[in-house]
Amino acid sequence: MNNGIKLTERQKLILFAIIEEYADVATPVGSVTLAKLFNVSSATIRSEMARLEELGYITSPHTSAGRIPTDYGYRYYVNSLSSNPHLGNCMEADTQESSSSESESKKSVTDSILTSDESAETLEIIDSIFNRWLNLSPLKALGSGDENEGRRSLHALEVRINAQERADFAIRSAVDMLVELTGNLGLATIGNQLYYSGISKLFSQPEFVDYGRIQAVSKLLDNLEPWLHEAKPGEPLNIFIGHENPIGKNSDASLIISKFRSPYSDDSYIGVLGPTRQNYAKIMSLVRHAGRYLENTL
């Protein structure tokens, strides 16, 4: 690890570029690709990559001369997304464009991901689908005042049951949407149960051709609901990368979950489980938005 050594601006940008390129292509990133991106020599990139590897941010698979991020590198990247005010506003579903006066030299590929029309359109898709079932809310039926007391009591009971069914449907629909939008396994707590969908998408990722990793991920899923019930992660957005996971530390998986209040519990969770190789900017934004939307509408 880096023992408190700060990265230079160029080292940060190279690290972020490796993470984002690796998320796209799922193959180790070489110096030639980065040299073209930064318009410097391959020798300069190799020197910086060697330093990043020495500090523990990237590593070199034995089968390739390219580099891939480590869990430590991913953690640095995610912390940078969370602490950067501009990126933080984007993760709050603020789709305003960034200021044109912002220095281009300090922008990474992440800025283009978060400020693109695609991000705004993705959040609009979530809102529009949620609004479909919101407009069918059984709570609207409470407006009828022509029934006698007995019928009103019976009706109130039916409404309560239907509202619970509505919440169940909404949470499951949100999970299914996260699966389609992220290509990961989506999950959420519904009462004392863990609902998840997209397991075929998860295990189709190249990281999980190894049987040992599949076992580690399966163990994580088997124990996730009781762990959430006991540990109750308290942040609005909780991110566990690779070995940071409470169970299945060798799974090479990232768990990204948002806490929200629901009719079932004040400590309900929705999120995704996927390989550590993620488009974290997009996924963090989507998971946070899904949690807040459910909390505000259920």
C-alpha atoms as a PDB file:
ATOM      1  CA  MET A   1       0.000   0.000   0.000  1.00  0.00           C
ATOM      2  CA  ASN A   2       1.035   3.590  -0.444  1.00  0.00           C
ATOM      3  CA  ASN A   3       1.718   4.411   3.233  1.00  0.00           C
ATOM      4  CA  GLY A   4       0.218   7.874   2.851  1.00  0.00           C
ATOM      5  CA  ILE A   5       2.071   8.802  -0.342  1.00  0.00           C
ATOM      6  CA  LYS A   6      -0.065  11.129  -2.470  1.00  0.00           C
ATOM      7  CA  LEU A   7      -0.529  10.485  -6.147  1.00  0.00           C
ATOM      8  CA  THR A   8       0.381  13.127  -8.660  1.00  0.00           C
ATOM      9  CA  GLU A   9      -2.373  14.506 -10.864  1.00  0.00           C
ATOM     10  CA  ARG A  10      -1.117  12.499 -13.815  1.00  0.00           C
ATOM     11  CA  GLN A  11      -0.948   9.299 -11.766  1.00  0.00           C
ATOM     12  CA  LYS A  12      -4.552   9.830 -10.684  1.00  0.00           C
ATOM     13  CA  LEU A  13      -5.700  10.316 -14.255  1.00  0.00           C
ATOM     14  CA  ILE A  14      -3.788   7.260 -15.448  1.00  0.00           C
ATOM     15  CA  LEU A  15      -5.284   5.165 -12.640  1.00  0.00           C
ATOM     16  CA  PHE A  16      -8.794   6.394 -13.450  1.00  0.00           C
ATOM     17  CA  ALA A  17      -8.248   5.735 -17.149  1.00  0.00           C
ATOM     18  CA  ILE A  18      -7.097   2.171 -16.422  1.00  0.00           C
ATOM     19  CA  ILE A  19     -10.180   1.553 -14.266  1.00  0.00           C
ATOM     20  CA  GLU A  20     -12.580   2.963 -16.835  1.00  0.00           C
ATOM     21  CA  GLU A  21     -10.923   1.301 -19.821  1.00  0.00           C
ATOM     22  CA  TYR A  22     -10.824  -2.037 -18.015  1.00  0.00           C
ATOM     23  CA  ALA A  23     -14.532  -1.679 -17.158  1.00  0.00           C
ATOM     24  CA  ASP A  24     -15.274  -1.315 -20.863  1.00  0.00           C
ATOM     25  CA  VAL A  25     -13.034  -3.966 -22.419  1.00  0.00           C
ATOM     26  CA  ALA A  26     -12.490  -6.499 -19.579  1.00  0.00           C
ATOM     27  CA  THR A  27      -8.856  -7.001 -20.654  1.00  0.00           C
ATOM     28  CA  PRO A  28      -5.674  -5.652 -19.049  1.00  0.00           C
ATOM     29  CA  VAL A  29      -4.809  -2.133 -20.162  1.00  0.00           C
ATOM     30  CA  GLY A  30      -1.444  -1.569 -21.817  1.00  0.00           C
ATOM     31  CA  SER A  31       0.853   1.427 -22.063  1.00  0.00           C
ATOM     32  CA  VAL A  32       0.249   1.932 -25.791  1.00  0.00           C
ATOM     33  CA  THR A  33      -3.465   2.583 -25.252  1.00  0.00           C
ATOM     34  CA  LEU A  34      -2.768   5.042 -22.449  1.00  0.00           C
ATOM     35  CA  ALA A  35       0.041   6.774 -24.336  1.00  0.00           C
ATOM     36  CA  LYS A  36      -2.400   7.616 -27.129  1.00  0.00           C
ATOM     37  CA  LEU A  37      -4.974   8.827 -24.628  1.00  0.00           C
ATOM     38  CA  PHE A  38      -2.565  11.118 -22.771  1.00  0.00           C
ATOM     39  CA  ASN A  39      -0.433  12.032 -25.773  1.00  0.00           C
ATOM     40  CA  VAL A  40       2.836  11.043 -24.087  1.00  0.00           C
ATOM     41  CA  SER A  41       5.390   8.348 -24.782  1.00  0.00           C
ATOM     42  CA  SER A  42       4.812   4.712 -23.860  1.00  0.00           C
ATOM     43  CA  ALA A  43       7.953   4.886 -21.729  1.00  0.00           C
ATOM     44  CA  THR A  44       6.416   7.681 -19.641  1.00  0.00           C
ATOM     45  CA  ILE A  45       3.230   5.665 -19.142  1.00  0.00           C
ATOM     46  CA  ARG A  46       5.186   2.527 -18.208  1.00  0.00           C
ATOM     47  CA  SER A  47       7.102   4.487 -15.605  1.00  0.00           C
ATOM     48  CA  GLU A  48       3.904   5.850 -14.052  1.00  0.00           C
ATOM     49  CA  MET A  49       2.248   2.429 -14.184  1.00  0.00           C
ATOM     50  CA  ALA A  50       5.220   0.883 -12.434  1.00  0.00           C
ATOM     51  CA  ARG A  51       4.848   3.461  -9.683  1.00  0.00           C
ATOM     52  CA  LEU A  52       1.106   2.801  -9.363  1.00  0.00           C
ATOM     53  CA  GLU A  53       1.799  -0.922  -9.159  1.00  0.00           C
ATOM     54  CA  GLU A  54       4.442  -0.353  -6.504  1.00  0.00           C
ATOM     55  CA  LEU A  55       1.911   1.626  -4.460  1.00  0.00           C
ATOM     56  CA  GLY A  56      -0.678  -1.141  -4.756  1.00  0.00           C
ATOM     57  CA  TYR A  57      -3.252   0.545  -7.006  1.00  0.00           C
ATOM     58  CA  ILE A  58      -2.838  -1.759 -10.022  1.00  0.00           C
ATOM     59  CA  THR A  59      -1.391  -5.167 -10.717  1.00  0.00           C
ATOM     60  CA  SER A  60      -0.129  -7.147 -13.693  1.00  0.00           C
ATOM     61  CA  PRO A  61      -1.752 -10.529 -14.438  1.00  0.00           C
ATOM     62  CA  HIS A  62       0.918 -13.105 -15.191  1.00  0.00           C
ATOM     63  CA  THR A  63      -0.544 -13.713 -18.649  1.00  0.00           C
ATOM     64  CA  SER A  64      -0.378 -10.111 -19.829  1.00  0.00           C
ATOM     65  CA  ALA A  65       1.880  -7.091 -19.897  1.00  0.00           C
ATOM     66  CA  GLY A  66      -1.149  -4.882 -19.282  1.00  0.00           C
ATOM     67  CA  ARG A  67      -2.434  -3.769 -15.884  1.00  0.00           C
ATOM     68  CA  ILE A  68      -5.717  -4.147 -14.033  1.00  0.00           C
ATOM     69  CA  PRO A  69      -6.935  -2.306 -10.923  1.00  0.00           C
ATOM     70  CA  THR A  70      -6.652  -3.797  -7.455  1.00  0.00           C
ATOM     71  CA  ASP A  71      -9.349  -3.528  -4.789  1.00  0.00           C
ATOM     72  CA  TYR A  72      -7.234  -0.755  -3.302  1.00  0.00           C
ATOM     73  CA  GLY A  73      -7.215   1.099  -6.619  1.00  0.00           C
ATOM     74  CA  TYR A  74     -10.971   0.745  -6.945  1.00  0.00           C
ATOM     75  CA  ARG A  75     -11.449   2.042  -3.410  1.00  0.00           C
ATOM     76  CA  TYR A  76      -9.364   5.129  -4.178  1.00  0.00           C
ATOM     77  CA  TYR A  77     -11.431   5.712  -7.315  1.00  0.00           C
ATOM     78  CA  VAL A  78     -14.786   5.314  -5.539  1.00  0.00           C
ATOM     79  CA  ASN A  79     -13.684   7.607  -2.715  1.00  0.00           C
ATOM     80  CA  SER A  80     -12.706  10.191  -5.325  1.00  0.00           C
ATOM     81  CA  LEU A  81     -16.162   9.964  -6.881  1.00  0.00           C
ATOM     82  CA  SER A  82     -17.786  10.387  -3.477  1.00  0.00           C
ATOM     83  CA  SER A  83     -15.622  13.295  -2.311  1.00  0.00           C
ATOM     84  CA  ASN A  84     -15.498  15.345  -5.525  1.00  0.00           C
ATOM     85  CA  PRO A  85     -18.236  17.997  -5.212  1.00  0.00           C
ATOM     86  CA  HIS A  86     -18.946  18.015  -8.958  1.00  0.00           C
ATOM     87  CA  LEU A  87     -19.226  14.248  -9.185  1.00  0.00           C
ATOM     88  CA  GLY A  88     -21.204  14.136  -5.952  1.00  0.00           C
ATOM     89  CA  ASN A  89     -23.844  16.440  -7.413  1.00  0.00           C
ATOM     90  CA  CYS A  90     -24.137  14.157 -10.393  1.00  0.00           C
ATOM     91  CA  MET A  91     -24.670  11.145  -8.128  1.00  0.00           C
ATOM     92  CA  GLU A  92     -27.487  13.098  -6.485  1.00  0.00           C
ATOM     93  CA  ALA A  93     -29.243  12.880  -9.880  1.00  0.00           C
ATOM     94  CA  ASP A  94     -28.377  16.491 -10.670  1.00  0.00           C
ATOM     95  CA  THR A  95     -28.175  16.477 -14.445  1.00  0.00           C
ATOM     96  CA  GLN A  96     -26.947  20.020 -14.921  1.00  0.00           C
ATOM     97  CA  GLU A  97     -24.025  20.393 -17.281  1.00  0.00           C
ATOM     98  CA  SER A  98     -20.602  21.103 -15.851  1.00  0.00           C
ATOM     99  CA  SER A  99     -19.174  24.600 -16.128  1.00  0.00           C
ATOM    100  CA  SER A 100     -17.349  25.354 -19.357  1.00  0.00           C
ATOM    101  CA  SER A 101     -14.631  27.107 -17.382  1.00  0.00           C
ATOM    102  CA  GLU A 102     -13.558  23.865 -15.722  1.00  0.00           C
ATOM    103  CA  SER A 103     -10.016  22.935 -16.671  1.00  0.00           C
ATOM    104  CA  GLU A 104      -9.914  20.157 -19.263  1.00  0.00           C
ATOM    105  CA  SER A 105      -6.665  18.844 -17.819  1.00  0.00           C
ATOM    106  CA  LYS A 106      -8.426  17.903 -14.597  1.00  0.00           C
ATOM    107  CA  LYS A 107     -11.263  15.997 -16.240  1.00  0.00           C
ATOM    108  CA  SER A 108     -11.200  12.230 -16.421  1.00  0.00           C
ATOM    109  CA  VAL A 109     -13.338   9.963 -18.520  1.00  0.00           C
ATOM    110  CA  THR A 110     -15.665   9.822 -15.515  1.00  0.00           C
ATOM    111  CA  ASP A 111     -16.832  13.416 -16.068  1.00  0.00           C
ATOM    112  CA  SER A 112     -18.047  12.584 -19.564  1.00  0.00           C
ATOM    113  CA  ILE A 113     -19.919   9.557 -18.224  1.00  0.00           C
ATOM    114  CA  LEU A 114     -21.690  11.481 -15.490  1.00  0.00           C
ATOM    115  CA  THR A 115     -22.553  14.615 -17.463  1.00  0.00           C
ATOM    116  CA  SER A 116     -23.740  12.807 -20.600  1.00  0.00           C
ATOM    117  CA  ASP A 117     -27.336  12.788 -21.805  1.00  0.00           C
ATOM    118  CA  GLU A 118     -27.328   9.026 -21.270  1.00  0.00           C
ATOM    119  CA  SER A 119     -27.165   9.472 -17.487  1.00  0.00           C
ATOM    120  CA  ALA A 120     -30.093  11.888 -17.460  1.00  0.00           C
ATOM    121  CA  GLU A 121     -32.109   9.659 -19.782  1.00  0.00           C
ATOM    122  CA  THR A 122     -31.415   6.614 -17.599  1.00  0.00           C
ATOM    123  CA  LEU A 123     -32.769   8.361 -14.499  1.00  0.00           C
ATOM    124  CA  GLU A 124     -35.792   9.555 -16.487  1.00  0.00           C
ATOM    125  CA  ILE A 125     -36.486   5.946 -17.523  1.00  0.00           C
ATOM    126  CA  ILE A 126     -36.522   4.888 -13.863  1.00  0.00           C
ATOM    127  CA  ASP A 127     -38.882   7.733 -12.965  1.00  0.00           C
ATOM    128  CA  SER A 128     -41.285   7.036 -15.821  1.00  0.00           C
ATOM    129  CA  ILE A 129     -41.567   3.316 -15.047  1.00  0.00           C
ATOM    130  CA  PHE A 130     -42.073   3.950 -11.347  1.00  0.00           C
ATOM    131  CA  ASN A 131     -44.746   6.521 -12.162  1.00  0.00           C
ATOM    132  CA  ARG A 132     -46.758   3.896 -14.036  1.00  0.00           C
ATOM    133  CA  TRP A 133     -47.479   1.910 -10.906  1.00  0.00           C
ATOM    134  CA  LEU A 134     -47.564   5.040  -8.733  1.00  0.00           C
ATOM    135  CA  ASN A 135     -50.529   6.328 -10.751  1.00  0.00           C
ATOM    136  CA  LEU A 136     -52.322   3.053 -10.002  1.00  0.00           C
ATOM    137  CA  SER A 137     -51.890   3.503  -6.242  1.00  0.00           C
ATOM    138  CA  PRO A 138     -54.655   1.755  -4.294  1.00  0.00           C
ATOM    139  CA  LEU A 139     -54.500   4.614  -1.795  1.00  0.00           C
ATOM    140  CA  LYS A 140     -56.611   6.638  -4.247  1.00  0.00           C
ATOM    141  CA  ALA A 141     -59.548   4.439  -3.356  1.00  0.00           C
ATOM    142  CA  LEU A 142     -59.707   6.087   0.076  1.00  0.00           C
ATOM    143  CA  GLY A 143     -61.589   8.994  -1.495  1.00  0.00           C
ATOM    144  CA  SER A 144     -64.937   7.152  -1.498  1.00  0.00           C
ATOM    145  CA  GLY A 145     -67.211   8.490   1.248  1.00  0.00           C
ATOM    146  CA  ASP A 146     -70.550   6.973   0.375  1.00  0.00           C
ATOM    147  CA  GLU A 147     -70.098   3.631   2.131  1.00  0.00           C
ATOM    148  CA  ASN A 148     -71.355   2.728   5.564  1.00  0.00           C
ATOM    149  CA  GLU A 149     -69.015   2.249   8.491  1.00  0.00           C
ATOM    150  CA  GLY A 150     -68.706  -1.497   8.036  1.00  0.00           C
ATOM    151  CA  ARG A 151     -67.872  -1.209   4.343  1.00  0.00           C
ATOM    152  CA  ARG A 152     -65.384   1.575   5.070  1.00  0.00           C
ATOM    153  CA  SER A 153     -63.582  -0.624   7.599  1.00  0.00           C
ATOM    154  CA  LEU A 154     -63.460  -3.511   5.155  1.00  0.00           C
ATOM    155  CA  HIS A 155     -62.268  -1.199   2.427  1.00  0.00           C
ATOM    156  CA  ALA A 156     -59.511   0.225   4.646  1.00  0.00           C
ATOM    157  CA  LEU A 157     -58.292  -3.302   5.354  1.00  0.00           C
ATOM    158  CA  GLU A 158     -58.210  -4.108   1.634  1.00  0.00           C
ATOM    159  CA  VAL A 159     -56.316  -0.898   0.939  1.00  0.00           C
ATOM    160  CA  ARG A 160     -53.705  -1.768   3.524  1.00  0.00           C
ATOM    161  CA  ILE A 161     -53.219  -5.215   2.022  1.00  0.00           C
ATOM    162  CA  ASN A 162     -53.055  -3.772  -1.479  1.00  0.00           C
ATOM    163  CA  ALA A 163     -50.555  -1.135  -0.369  1.00  0.00           C
ATOM    164  CA  GLN A 164     -48.276  -3.883   0.918  1.00  0.00           C
ATOM    165  CA  GLU A 165     -48.624  -5.712  -2.391  1.00  0.00           C
ATOM    166  CA  ARG A 166     -47.859  -2.452  -4.188  1.00  0.00           C
ATOM    167  CA  ALA A 167     -44.660  -1.990  -2.200  1.00  0.00           C
ATOM    168  CA  ASP A 168     -43.590  -5.556  -2.952  1.00  0.00           C
ATOM    169  CA  PHE A 169     -44.225  -5.043  -6.664  1.00  0.00           C
ATOM    170  CA  ALA A 170     -42.422  -1.690  -6.690  1.00  0.00           C
ATOM    171  CA  ILE A 171     -39.297  -3.050  -5.015  1.00  0.00           C
ATOM    172  CA  ARG A 172     -39.161  -6.101  -7.269  1.00  0.00           C
ATOM    173  CA  SER A 173     -39.661  -3.912 -10.348  1.00  0.00           C
ATOM    174  CA  ALA A 174     -36.848  -1.608  -9.231  1.00  0.00           C
ATOM    175  CA  VAL A 175     -34.525  -4.591  -8.797  1.00  0.00           C
ATOM    176  CA  ASP A 176     -35.414  -5.921 -12.244  1.00  0.00           C
ATOM    177  CA  MET A 177     -34.707  -2.499 -13.736  1.00  0.00           C
ATOM    178  CA  LEU A 178     -31.290  -2.346 -12.096  1.00  0.00           C
ATOM    179  CA  VAL A 179     -30.492  -5.738 -13.615  1.00  0.00           C
ATOM    180  CA  GLU A 180     -31.349  -4.498 -17.108  1.00  0.00           C
ATOM    181  CA  LEU A 181     -29.597  -1.150 -16.736  1.00  0.00           C
ATOM    182  CA  THR A 182     -26.376  -2.430 -15.157  1.00  0.00           C
ATOM    183  CA  GLY A 183     -25.949  -6.028 -16.319  1.00  0.00           C
ATOM    184  CA  ASN A 184     -25.364  -7.050 -12.707  1.00  0.00           C
ATOM    185  CA  LEU A 185     -27.344  -9.101 -10.233  1.00  0.00           C
ATOM    186  CA  GLY A 186     -29.966  -6.873  -8.606  1.00  0.00           C
ATOM    187  CA  LEU A 187     -31.138  -7.388  -5.039  1.00  0.00           C
ATOM    188  CA  ALA A 188     -33.340  -5.909  -2.351  1.00  0.00           C
ATOM    189  CA  THR A 189     -34.668  -6.770   1.078  1.00  0.00           C
ATOM    190  CA  ILE A 190     -38.435  -7.296   1.287  1.00  0.00           C
ATOM    191  CA  GLY A 191     -39.272  -7.859   4.932  1.00  0.00           C
ATOM    192  CA  ASN A 192     -37.051 -10.686   6.148  1.00  0.00           C
ATOM    193  CA  GLN A 193     -36.504 -11.986   2.634  1.00  0.00           C
ATOM    194  CA  LEU A 194     -33.785 -11.195   0.112  1.00  0.00           C
ATOM    195  CA  TYR A 195     -35.126 -10.866  -3.421  1.00  0.00           C
ATOM    196  CA  TYR A 196     -32.599 -11.028  -6.215  1.00  0.00           C
ATOM    197  CA  SER A 197     -32.693 -11.313  -9.975  1.00  0.00           C
ATOM    198  CA  GLY A 198     -30.161 -11.541 -12.793  1.00  0.00           C
ATOM    199  CA  ILE A 199     -27.964 -14.356 -11.545  1.00  0.00           C
ATOM    200  CA  SER A 200     -27.357 -15.512 -15.132  1.00  0.00           C
ATOM    201  CA  LYS A 201     -26.082 -12.047 -16.033  1.00  0.00           C
ATOM    202  CA  LEU A 202     -23.733 -12.105 -13.054  1.00  0.00           C
ATOM    203  CA  PHE A 203     -22.205 -15.475 -13.852  1.00  0.00           C
ATOM    204  CA  SER A 204     -21.868 -14.644 -17.547  1.00  0.00           C
ATOM    205  CA  GLN A 205     -19.200 -12.085 -16.633  1.00  0.00           C
ATOM    206  CA  PRO A 206     -15.670 -13.236 -17.536  1.00  0.00           C
ATOM    207  CA  GLU A 207     -14.518 -12.863 -13.926  1.00  0.00           C
ATOM    208  CA  PHE A 208     -16.726 -15.748 -12.859  1.00  0.00           C
ATOM    209  CA  VAL A 209     -15.543 -18.551 -15.112  1.00  0.00           C
ATOM    210  CA  ASP A 210     -13.513 -19.714 -12.122  1.00  0.00           C
ATOM    211  CA  TYR A 211     -15.427 -22.189  -9.956  1.00  0.00           C
ATOM    212  CA  GLY A 212     -13.863 -20.892  -6.746  1.00  0.00           C
ATOM    213  CA  ARG A 213     -15.174 -17.375  -7.404  1.00  0.00           C
ATOM    214  CA  ILE A 214     -18.634 -18.714  -8.183  1.00  0.00           C
ATOM    215  CA  GLN A 215     -18.610 -20.500  -4.826  1.00  0.00           C
ATOM    216  CA  ALA A 216     -17.490 -17.335  -3.042  1.00  0.00           C
ATOM    217  CA  VAL A 217     -20.260 -15.261  -4.664  1.00  0.00           C
ATOM    218  CA  SER A 218     -22.846 -17.946  -3.853  1.00  0.00           C
ATOM    219  CA  LYS A 219     -21.727 -17.937  -0.227  1.00  0.00           C
ATOM    220  CA  LEU A 220     -22.069 -14.162  -0.160  1.00  0.00           C
ATOM    221  CA  LEU A 221     -25.633 -14.363  -1.491  1.00  0.00           C
ATOM    222  CA  ASP A 222     -26.592 -17.120   0.938  1.00  0.00           C
ATOM    223  CA  ASN A 223     -25.516 -15.040   3.926  1.00  0.00           C
ATOM    224  CA  LEU A 224     -26.308 -11.524   2.735  1.00  0.00           C
ATOM    225  CA  GLU A 225     -29.812 -11.112   4.196  1.00  0.00           C
ATOM    226  CA  PRO A 226     -28.921 -12.149   7.770  1.00  0.00           C
ATOM    227  CA  TRP A 227     -25.791 -10.014   7.592  1.00  0.00           C
ATOM    228  CA  LEU A 228     -27.775  -6.958   6.459  1.00  0.00           C
ATOM    229  CA  HIS A 229     -30.315  -7.589   9.238  1.00  0.00           C
ATOM    230  CA  GLU A 230     -27.544  -7.756  11.842  1.00  0.00           C
ATOM    231  CA  ALA A 231     -25.039  -5.192  10.586  1.00  0.00           C
ATOM    232  CA  LYS A 232     -27.523  -2.612   9.210  1.00  0.00           C
ATOM    233  CA  PRO A 233     -25.079  -0.577   7.080  1.00  0.00           C
ATOM    234  CA  GLY A 234     -26.076   2.996   7.875  1.00  0.00           C
ATOM    235  CA  GLU A 235     -24.897   5.089   4.949  1.00  0.00           C
ATOM    236  CA  PRO A 236     -27.345   6.131   2.220  1.00  0.00           C
ATOM    237  CA  LEU A 237     -24.989   4.422  -0.237  1.00  0.00           C
ATOM    238  CA  ASN A 238     -22.779   1.536   0.923  1.00  0.00           C
ATOM    239  CA  ILE A 239     -20.034   0.097  -1.289  1.00  0.00           C
ATOM    240  CA  PHE A 240     -18.060  -3.057  -0.522  1.00  0.00           C
ATOM    241  CA  ILE A 241     -15.285  -3.825  -2.993  1.00  0.00           C
ATOM    242  CA  GLY A 242     -13.720  -7.265  -3.303  1.00  0.00           C
ATOM    243  CA  HIS A 243     -12.090  -8.225  -0.011  1.00  0.00           C
ATOM    244  CA  GLU A 244     -14.156  -5.557   1.806  1.00  0.00           C
ATOM    245  CA  ASN A 245     -17.235  -7.785   1.497  1.00  0.00           C
ATOM    246  CA  PRO A 246     -18.270  -9.287   4.846  1.00  0.00           C
ATOM    247  CA  ILE A 247     -18.535 -12.764   3.283  1.00  0.00           C
ATOM    248  CA  GLY A 248     -16.939 -14.211   0.173  1.00  0.00           C
ATOM    249  CA  LYS A 249     -13.879 -11.992   0.365  1.00  0.00           C
ATOM    250  CA  ASN A 250     -12.214 -13.834  -2.518  1.00  0.00           C
ATOM    251  CA  SER A 251     -15.175 -13.419  -4.850  1.00  0.00           C
ATOM    252  CA  ASP A 252     -13.769 -10.423  -6.759  1.00  0.00           C
ATOM    253  CA  ALA A 253     -17.254  -8.921  -6.464  1.00  0.00           C
ATOM    254  CA  SER A 254     -18.526  -5.491  -5.529  1.00  0.00           C
ATOM    255  CA  LEU A 255     -21.705  -4.977  -3.517  1.00  0.00           C
ATOM    256  CA  ILE A 256     -23.326  -1.559  -3.967  1.00  0.00           C
ATOM    257  CA  ILE A 257     -26.463  -1.010  -1.877  1.00  0.00           C
ATOM    258  CA  SER A 258     -28.669   1.939  -0.986  1.00  0.00           C
ATOM    259  CA  LYS A 259     -30.536   2.130   2.308  1.00  0.00           C
ATOM    260  CA  PHE A 260     -34.162   3.305   2.222  1.00  0.00           C
ATOM    261  CA  ARG A 261     -37.318   3.291   4.339  1.00  0.00           C
ATOM    262  CA  SER A 262     -40.155   1.037   3.193  1.00  0.00           C
ATOM    263  CA  PRO A 263     -43.440  -0.281   4.637  1.00  0.00           C
ATOM    264  CA  TYR A 264     -41.427  -3.316   5.723  1.00  0.00           C
ATOM    265  CA  SER A 265     -38.577  -1.620   7.572  1.00  0.00           C
ATOM    266  CA  ASP A 266     -36.678   1.614   8.110  1.00  0.00           C
ATOM    267  CA  ASP A 267     -33.601  -0.406   7.156  1.00  0.00           C
ATOM    268  CA  SER A 268     -34.490  -1.716   3.710  1.00  0.00           C
ATOM    269  CA  TYR A 269     -31.811  -2.097   1.043  1.00  0.00           C
ATOM    270  CA  ILE A 270     -31.656  -2.187  -2.740  1.00  0.00           C
ATOM    271  CA  GLY A 271     -28.596  -2.543  -4.916  1.00  0.00           C
ATOM    272  CA  VAL A 272     -26.465  -4.665  -7.183  1.00  0.00           C
ATOM    273  CA  LEU A 273     -23.792  -7.318  -6.939  1.00  0.00           C
ATOM    274  CA  GLY A 274     -21.292  -7.619  -9.753  1.00  0.00           C
ATOM    275  CA  PRO A 275     -17.604  -7.944 -10.541  1.00  0.00           C
ATOM    276  CA  THR A 276     -15.225  -5.358  -9.132  1.00  0.00           C
ATOM    277  CA  ARG A 277     -14.817  -4.286 -12.762  1.00  0.00           C
ATOM    278  CA  GLN A 278     -17.660  -1.776 -12.825  1.00  0.00           C
ATOM    279  CA  ASN A 279     -18.693   1.569 -14.224  1.00  0.00           C
ATOM    280  CA  TYR A 280     -18.891   2.841 -10.659  1.00  0.00           C
ATOM    281  CA  ALA A 281     -20.019   6.361 -11.536  1.00  0.00           C
ATOM    282  CA  LYS A 282     -23.086   5.075 -13.369  1.00  0.00           C
ATOM    283  CA  ILE A 283     -23.915   2.249 -10.951  1.00  0.00           C
ATOM    284  CA  MET A 284     -23.566   4.389  -7.823  1.00  0.00           C
ATOM    285  CA  SER A 285     -25.872   6.986  -9.358  1.00  0.00           C
ATOM    286  CA  LEU A 286     -28.502   4.432 -10.368  1.00  0.00           C
ATOM    287  CA  VAL A 287     -28.526   2.574  -7.044  1.00  0.00           C
ATOM    288  CA  ARG A 288     -28.697   5.775  -5.006  1.00  0.00           C
ATOM    289  CA  HIS A 289     -31.504   7.078  -7.194  1.00  0.00           C
ATOM    290  CA  ALA A 290     -33.489   3.838  -6.977  1.00  0.00           C
ATOM    291  CA  GLY A 291     -33.287   3.865  -3.170  1.00  0.00           C
ATOM    292  CA  ARG A 292     -34.362   7.466  -2.861  1.00  0.00           C
ATOM    293  CA  TYR A 293     -37.182   7.078  -5.329  1.00  0.00           C
ATOM    294  CA  LEU A 294     -38.587   4.095  -3.461  1.00  0.00           C
ATOM    295  CA  GLU A 295     -38.302   5.891  -0.142  1.00  0.00           C
ATOM    296  CA  ASN A 296     -40.092   8.971  -1.453  1.00  0.00           C
ATOM    297  CA  THR A 297     -42.939   7.096  -3.110  1.00  0.00           C
ATOM    298  CA  LEU A 298     -43.757   4.014  -1.037  1.00  0.00           C
END
